[in-house]
N, C-alpha and C. Protein backbone atom coordinates (compact mmCIF):
# COMPACT_ATOMS: atom_id res chain seq x y z
N MET A 1 -4.36 -17.67 -0.88
CA MET A 1 -4.47 -16.70 -1.95
C MET A 1 -3.71 -15.44 -1.53
N LYS A 2 -3.07 -14.85 -2.52
CA LYS A 2 -2.31 -13.64 -2.22
C LYS A 2 -3.16 -12.39 -2.48
N TYR A 3 -2.95 -11.41 -1.61
CA TYR A 3 -3.65 -10.12 -1.70
C TYR A 3 -2.64 -8.99 -1.55
N LEU A 4 -2.94 -7.92 -2.24
CA LEU A 4 -2.19 -6.68 -2.04
C LEU A 4 -3.07 -5.76 -1.21
N LEU A 5 -2.54 -5.30 -0.08
CA LEU A 5 -3.24 -4.35 0.79
C LEU A 5 -2.63 -2.99 0.49
N ILE A 6 -3.33 -2.20 -0.28
CA ILE A 6 -2.77 -0.96 -0.84
C ILE A 6 -3.12 0.22 0.06
N ILE A 7 -2.10 0.90 0.52
CA ILE A 7 -2.29 2.04 1.43
C ILE A 7 -2.34 3.32 0.60
N THR A 8 -3.46 4.01 0.67
CA THR A 8 -3.63 5.28 -0.01
C THR A 8 -3.50 6.39 1.01
N MET A 9 -2.68 7.37 0.70
CA MET A 9 -2.37 8.44 1.66
C MET A 9 -2.88 9.78 1.14
N ASN A 10 -3.43 10.55 2.04
CA ASN A 10 -3.72 11.96 1.76
C ASN A 10 -2.81 12.74 2.69
N PRO A 11 -1.80 13.42 2.16
CA PRO A 11 -0.83 14.09 3.04
C PRO A 11 -1.45 15.15 3.93
N THR A 12 -2.52 15.76 3.48
CA THR A 12 -3.19 16.77 4.29
C THR A 12 -3.71 16.15 5.59
N VAL A 13 -4.25 14.95 5.48
CA VAL A 13 -4.76 14.26 6.66
C VAL A 13 -3.60 13.89 7.58
N PHE A 14 -2.52 13.36 7.02
CA PHE A 14 -1.38 12.94 7.84
C PHE A 14 -0.76 14.12 8.56
N GLU A 15 -0.72 15.28 7.91
CA GLU A 15 -0.12 16.47 8.53
C GLU A 15 -0.90 16.96 9.74
N THR A 16 -2.18 16.59 9.83
CA THR A 16 -2.99 17.04 10.96
C THR A 16 -2.78 16.17 12.21
N LEU A 17 -2.07 15.05 12.05
CA LEU A 17 -1.87 14.15 13.19
C LEU A 17 -0.84 14.72 14.15
N SER A 18 -1.03 14.45 15.42
CA SER A 18 -0.04 14.86 16.43
C SER A 18 1.18 13.95 16.32
N GLU A 19 2.25 14.36 16.96
CA GLU A 19 3.46 13.53 16.97
C GLU A 19 3.16 12.17 17.61
N ALA A 20 2.36 12.17 18.66
CA ALA A 20 2.00 10.90 19.32
C ALA A 20 1.20 10.01 18.38
N ASP A 21 0.29 10.62 17.61
CA ASP A 21 -0.49 9.83 16.65
C ASP A 21 0.41 9.24 15.57
N ARG A 22 1.36 10.03 15.10
CA ARG A 22 2.28 9.52 14.07
C ARG A 22 3.12 8.38 14.61
N GLU A 23 3.59 8.53 15.85
CA GLU A 23 4.38 7.45 16.45
C GLU A 23 3.53 6.20 16.62
N ALA A 24 2.24 6.38 16.93
CA ALA A 24 1.33 5.24 17.06
C ALA A 24 1.16 4.54 15.71
N VAL A 25 1.12 5.29 14.63
CA VAL A 25 1.03 4.69 13.30
C VAL A 25 2.25 3.82 13.03
N PHE A 26 3.42 4.36 13.29
CA PHE A 26 4.64 3.58 13.03
C PHE A 26 4.71 2.34 13.94
N ALA A 27 4.32 2.51 15.19
CA ALA A 27 4.31 1.36 16.11
C ALA A 27 3.29 0.32 15.65
N GLY A 28 2.17 0.78 15.11
CA GLY A 28 1.16 -0.14 14.59
C GLY A 28 1.68 -0.95 13.41
N HIS A 29 2.45 -0.29 12.56
CA HIS A 29 3.07 -1.03 11.44
C HIS A 29 4.04 -2.08 11.97
N ASP A 30 4.85 -1.70 12.96
CA ASP A 30 5.79 -2.67 13.54
C ASP A 30 5.05 -3.88 14.10
N ALA A 31 3.93 -3.63 14.79
CA ALA A 31 3.15 -4.72 15.39
C ALA A 31 2.54 -5.61 14.30
N LEU A 32 2.02 -4.99 13.24
CA LEU A 32 1.42 -5.78 12.15
C LEU A 32 2.47 -6.61 11.44
N ILE A 33 3.64 -6.04 11.19
CA ILE A 33 4.72 -6.78 10.53
C ILE A 33 5.12 -7.99 11.38
N LYS A 34 5.20 -7.78 12.68
CA LYS A 34 5.54 -8.88 13.60
C LYS A 34 4.48 -9.98 13.52
N GLU A 35 3.20 -9.58 13.55
CA GLU A 35 2.11 -10.55 13.48
C GLU A 35 2.14 -11.33 12.17
N LEU A 36 2.31 -10.62 11.06
CA LEU A 36 2.30 -11.28 9.76
C LEU A 36 3.48 -12.24 9.60
N ASN A 37 4.63 -11.87 10.19
CA ASN A 37 5.78 -12.78 10.15
C ASN A 37 5.52 -14.01 11.02
N GLU A 38 4.88 -13.81 12.16
CA GLU A 38 4.59 -14.93 13.06
C GLU A 38 3.55 -15.88 12.47
N THR A 39 2.56 -15.34 11.76
CA THR A 39 1.50 -16.20 11.19
C THR A 39 1.93 -16.80 9.85
N GLY A 40 3.02 -16.31 9.29
CA GLY A 40 3.47 -16.79 7.99
C GLY A 40 2.70 -16.20 6.82
N GLU A 41 1.90 -15.16 7.07
CA GLU A 41 1.09 -14.55 6.01
C GLU A 41 1.83 -13.44 5.26
N MET A 42 2.99 -13.03 5.75
CA MET A 42 3.73 -11.94 5.10
C MET A 42 4.42 -12.45 3.85
N VAL A 43 4.16 -11.79 2.73
CA VAL A 43 4.91 -12.04 1.51
C VAL A 43 5.91 -10.92 1.31
N GLY A 44 5.48 -9.68 1.58
CA GLY A 44 6.37 -8.54 1.45
C GLY A 44 5.64 -7.25 1.76
N PHE A 45 6.38 -6.18 1.89
CA PHE A 45 5.78 -4.87 2.09
C PHE A 45 6.77 -3.81 1.63
N ALA A 46 6.26 -2.63 1.39
CA ALA A 46 7.12 -1.51 1.02
C ALA A 46 6.40 -0.21 1.33
N ALA A 47 7.16 0.76 1.77
CA ALA A 47 6.69 2.14 1.88
C ALA A 47 7.30 2.89 0.70
N LEU A 48 6.50 3.69 0.05
CA LEU A 48 6.98 4.39 -1.13
C LEU A 48 7.38 5.82 -0.78
N ALA A 49 8.35 6.34 -1.51
CA ALA A 49 8.82 7.71 -1.31
C ALA A 49 7.73 8.70 -1.72
N ASP A 50 7.93 9.94 -1.36
CA ASP A 50 6.99 11.01 -1.68
C ASP A 50 6.76 11.07 -3.20
N PRO A 51 5.52 11.32 -3.63
CA PRO A 51 5.25 11.38 -5.07
C PRO A 51 6.08 12.41 -5.82
N SER A 52 6.62 13.41 -5.14
CA SER A 52 7.45 14.40 -5.83
C SER A 52 8.72 13.77 -6.41
N ALA A 53 9.09 12.58 -5.93
CA ALA A 53 10.26 11.88 -6.45
C ALA A 53 9.91 10.96 -7.62
N THR A 54 8.64 10.99 -8.03
CA THR A 54 8.16 10.08 -9.08
C THR A 54 8.52 10.56 -10.47
N LYS A 55 8.83 9.62 -11.33
CA LYS A 55 8.98 9.86 -12.77
C LYS A 55 7.94 8.98 -13.47
N THR A 56 7.29 9.51 -14.48
CA THR A 56 6.34 8.73 -15.27
C THR A 56 6.90 8.59 -16.68
N VAL A 57 6.91 7.36 -17.16
CA VAL A 57 7.50 7.06 -18.47
C VAL A 57 6.40 6.60 -19.42
N ARG A 58 6.39 7.18 -20.58
CA ARG A 58 5.48 6.76 -21.66
C ARG A 58 6.35 6.56 -22.90
N VAL A 59 6.08 5.49 -23.63
CA VAL A 59 6.80 5.24 -24.88
C VAL A 59 5.80 5.36 -26.02
N ARG A 60 6.05 6.30 -26.91
CA ARG A 60 5.19 6.50 -28.08
C ARG A 60 6.06 6.42 -29.32
N ASP A 61 5.63 5.56 -30.23
CA ASP A 61 6.39 5.34 -31.46
C ASP A 61 7.85 4.98 -31.15
N GLY A 62 8.04 4.22 -30.08
CA GLY A 62 9.36 3.75 -29.72
C GLY A 62 10.24 4.77 -29.01
N VAL A 63 9.69 5.95 -28.74
CA VAL A 63 10.48 7.00 -28.10
C VAL A 63 9.97 7.21 -26.67
N PRO A 64 10.85 6.97 -25.68
CA PRO A 64 10.41 7.20 -24.31
C PRO A 64 10.35 8.70 -23.98
N ALA A 65 9.29 9.06 -23.28
CA ALA A 65 9.14 10.42 -22.76
C ALA A 65 8.99 10.32 -21.26
N VAL A 66 9.78 11.07 -20.53
CA VAL A 66 9.77 11.02 -19.07
C VAL A 66 9.29 12.35 -18.54
N THR A 67 8.31 12.29 -17.64
CA THR A 67 7.82 13.49 -16.99
C THR A 67 7.94 13.33 -15.48
N ASP A 68 8.04 14.44 -14.79
CA ASP A 68 8.09 14.42 -13.33
C ASP A 68 6.68 14.24 -12.79
N GLY A 69 6.59 13.52 -11.71
CA GLY A 69 5.31 13.39 -11.02
C GLY A 69 4.59 12.10 -11.33
N PRO A 70 3.56 11.82 -10.55
CA PRO A 70 2.81 10.58 -10.71
C PRO A 70 1.92 10.60 -11.95
N TYR A 71 1.49 9.42 -12.37
CA TYR A 71 0.64 9.28 -13.54
C TYR A 71 -0.69 9.99 -13.33
N VAL A 72 -1.25 9.81 -12.17
CA VAL A 72 -2.53 10.43 -11.85
C VAL A 72 -2.29 11.57 -10.88
N GLU A 73 -2.76 12.75 -11.23
CA GLU A 73 -2.63 13.88 -10.32
C GLU A 73 -3.86 13.92 -9.43
N ALA A 74 -3.63 13.72 -8.14
CA ALA A 74 -4.71 13.72 -7.16
C ALA A 74 -4.12 14.04 -5.80
N LYS A 75 -4.97 14.39 -4.86
CA LYS A 75 -4.49 14.65 -3.51
C LYS A 75 -3.98 13.36 -2.88
N GLU A 76 -4.68 12.26 -3.14
CA GLU A 76 -4.30 10.98 -2.57
C GLU A 76 -3.26 10.31 -3.46
N PHE A 77 -2.38 9.53 -2.85
CA PHE A 77 -1.37 8.81 -3.61
C PHE A 77 -1.07 7.48 -2.95
N LEU A 78 -0.47 6.59 -3.75
CA LEU A 78 -0.07 5.29 -3.24
C LEU A 78 1.12 5.49 -2.30
N ALA A 79 0.93 5.13 -1.04
CA ALA A 79 1.97 5.36 -0.04
C ALA A 79 2.76 4.09 0.27
N GLY A 80 2.16 2.94 0.01
CA GLY A 80 2.85 1.70 0.31
C GLY A 80 1.90 0.53 0.19
N TYR A 81 2.42 -0.66 0.49
CA TYR A 81 1.58 -1.84 0.40
C TYR A 81 2.13 -2.96 1.27
N TYR A 82 1.26 -3.86 1.59
CA TYR A 82 1.61 -5.15 2.16
C TYR A 82 1.14 -6.19 1.18
N MET A 83 1.94 -7.21 0.91
CA MET A 83 1.49 -8.36 0.16
C MET A 83 1.39 -9.50 1.15
N VAL A 84 0.20 -10.09 1.24
CA VAL A 84 -0.02 -11.16 2.20
C VAL A 84 -0.53 -12.40 1.48
N ASP A 85 -0.33 -13.53 2.09
CA ASP A 85 -0.84 -14.79 1.58
C ASP A 85 -1.69 -15.38 2.69
N CYS A 86 -3.02 -15.29 2.54
CA CYS A 86 -3.92 -15.74 3.59
C CYS A 86 -5.05 -16.57 2.97
N GLU A 87 -5.85 -17.16 3.83
CA GLU A 87 -6.80 -18.16 3.36
C GLU A 87 -8.09 -17.62 2.75
N SER A 88 -8.43 -16.34 2.99
CA SER A 88 -9.71 -15.85 2.47
C SER A 88 -9.70 -14.33 2.32
N THR A 89 -10.65 -13.85 1.56
CA THR A 89 -10.81 -12.40 1.42
C THR A 89 -11.15 -11.78 2.77
N GLU A 90 -11.94 -12.50 3.56
CA GLU A 90 -12.32 -11.99 4.88
C GLU A 90 -11.08 -11.76 5.74
N ARG A 91 -10.13 -12.69 5.69
CA ARG A 91 -8.89 -12.54 6.46
C ARG A 91 -8.07 -11.36 5.91
N ALA A 92 -8.04 -11.20 4.59
CA ALA A 92 -7.31 -10.07 4.01
C ALA A 92 -7.92 -8.75 4.47
N VAL A 93 -9.23 -8.68 4.51
CA VAL A 93 -9.91 -7.47 4.99
C VAL A 93 -9.59 -7.24 6.47
N GLU A 94 -9.59 -8.33 7.25
CA GLU A 94 -9.25 -8.23 8.67
C GLU A 94 -7.84 -7.67 8.85
N LEU A 95 -6.90 -8.15 8.04
CA LEU A 95 -5.52 -7.65 8.12
C LEU A 95 -5.45 -6.19 7.67
N ALA A 96 -6.18 -5.84 6.63
CA ALA A 96 -6.19 -4.44 6.15
C ALA A 96 -6.68 -3.50 7.24
N ALA A 97 -7.66 -3.95 8.01
CA ALA A 97 -8.19 -3.11 9.09
C ALA A 97 -7.17 -2.89 10.19
N LYS A 98 -6.15 -3.75 10.27
CA LYS A 98 -5.10 -3.60 11.28
C LYS A 98 -4.02 -2.62 10.85
N ILE A 99 -3.99 -2.25 9.59
CA ILE A 99 -3.01 -1.26 9.14
C ILE A 99 -3.38 0.08 9.76
N PRO A 100 -2.48 0.69 10.52
CA PRO A 100 -2.84 1.91 11.25
C PRO A 100 -3.39 3.02 10.37
N ASP A 101 -2.94 3.11 9.15
CA ASP A 101 -3.40 4.16 8.25
C ASP A 101 -4.89 4.05 7.93
N ALA A 102 -5.48 2.88 8.15
CA ALA A 102 -6.91 2.69 7.87
C ALA A 102 -7.78 3.58 8.74
N THR A 103 -7.22 4.07 9.85
CA THR A 103 -8.03 4.92 10.74
C THR A 103 -8.20 6.34 10.20
N PHE A 104 -7.36 6.73 9.22
CA PHE A 104 -7.51 8.09 8.69
C PHE A 104 -7.40 8.17 7.18
N ASN A 105 -7.06 7.08 6.52
CA ASN A 105 -7.04 7.01 5.06
C ASN A 105 -7.64 5.69 4.64
N ALA A 106 -7.49 5.33 3.37
CA ALA A 106 -8.12 4.11 2.86
C ALA A 106 -7.09 3.03 2.57
N ILE A 107 -7.52 1.79 2.75
CA ILE A 107 -6.72 0.62 2.38
C ILE A 107 -7.53 -0.17 1.36
N GLU A 108 -6.95 -0.41 0.21
CA GLU A 108 -7.60 -1.20 -0.82
C GLU A 108 -7.10 -2.64 -0.73
N VAL A 109 -8.01 -3.59 -0.79
CA VAL A 109 -7.67 -5.01 -0.74
C VAL A 109 -7.91 -5.58 -2.14
N ARG A 110 -6.84 -6.05 -2.78
CA ARG A 110 -6.99 -6.55 -4.13
C ARG A 110 -6.31 -7.92 -4.26
N PRO A 111 -7.07 -8.93 -4.72
CA PRO A 111 -6.45 -10.24 -4.93
C PRO A 111 -5.43 -10.18 -6.07
N LEU A 112 -4.38 -10.99 -5.96
CA LEU A 112 -3.39 -11.10 -7.03
C LEU A 112 -3.76 -12.26 -7.93
N MET A 113 -3.59 -12.07 -9.21
CA MET A 113 -3.85 -13.15 -10.15
C MET A 113 -2.65 -14.08 -10.15
N GLU A 114 -2.92 -15.35 -10.46
CA GLU A 114 -1.84 -16.33 -10.57
C GLU A 114 -1.06 -16.09 -11.86
N PRO A 115 0.21 -16.46 -11.89
CA PRO A 115 1.01 -16.23 -13.10
C PRO A 115 0.46 -16.93 -14.34
N GLY A 116 -0.31 -18.01 -14.15
CA GLY A 116 -0.79 -18.78 -15.29
C GLY A 116 -1.96 -18.16 -16.03
N GLY A 117 -2.58 -17.12 -15.49
CA GLY A 117 -3.71 -16.57 -16.20
C GLY A 117 -4.63 -15.75 -15.32
N LEU A 118 -5.86 -15.69 -15.72
CA LEU A 118 -6.81 -14.82 -15.05
C LEU A 118 -7.39 -15.43 -13.79
N GLU A 119 -7.15 -16.73 -13.56
CA GLU A 119 -7.70 -17.35 -12.36
C GLU A 119 -6.95 -16.83 -11.13
N MET A 120 -7.68 -16.62 -10.06
CA MET A 120 -7.06 -16.14 -8.83
C MET A 120 -6.90 -17.27 -7.85
């Protein structure tokens, strides 16, 4: 079953980390990517740019309106994700706990629905 491991970032928290802590976060991502590639559980991953680069698009009455910034204004924002294919929710949670950001922010584990419908 496929899961999205969603990394939520609070920039205030990240800014308080030392340079060594930040380097440990990046090294932790490298280690997790290596593990997921070796186990065959990696489907994909991405780190997202700063929310200040975001555009939000709404179409009303056929007319697109574009605004700067994320859809939801909050301190926390979507910073990136891993998509994994593993055998159970427990394994997905185990992998989420290995994401270095989990030590100071939150990781959401969400199953992906199959293309055919609501069944997961």
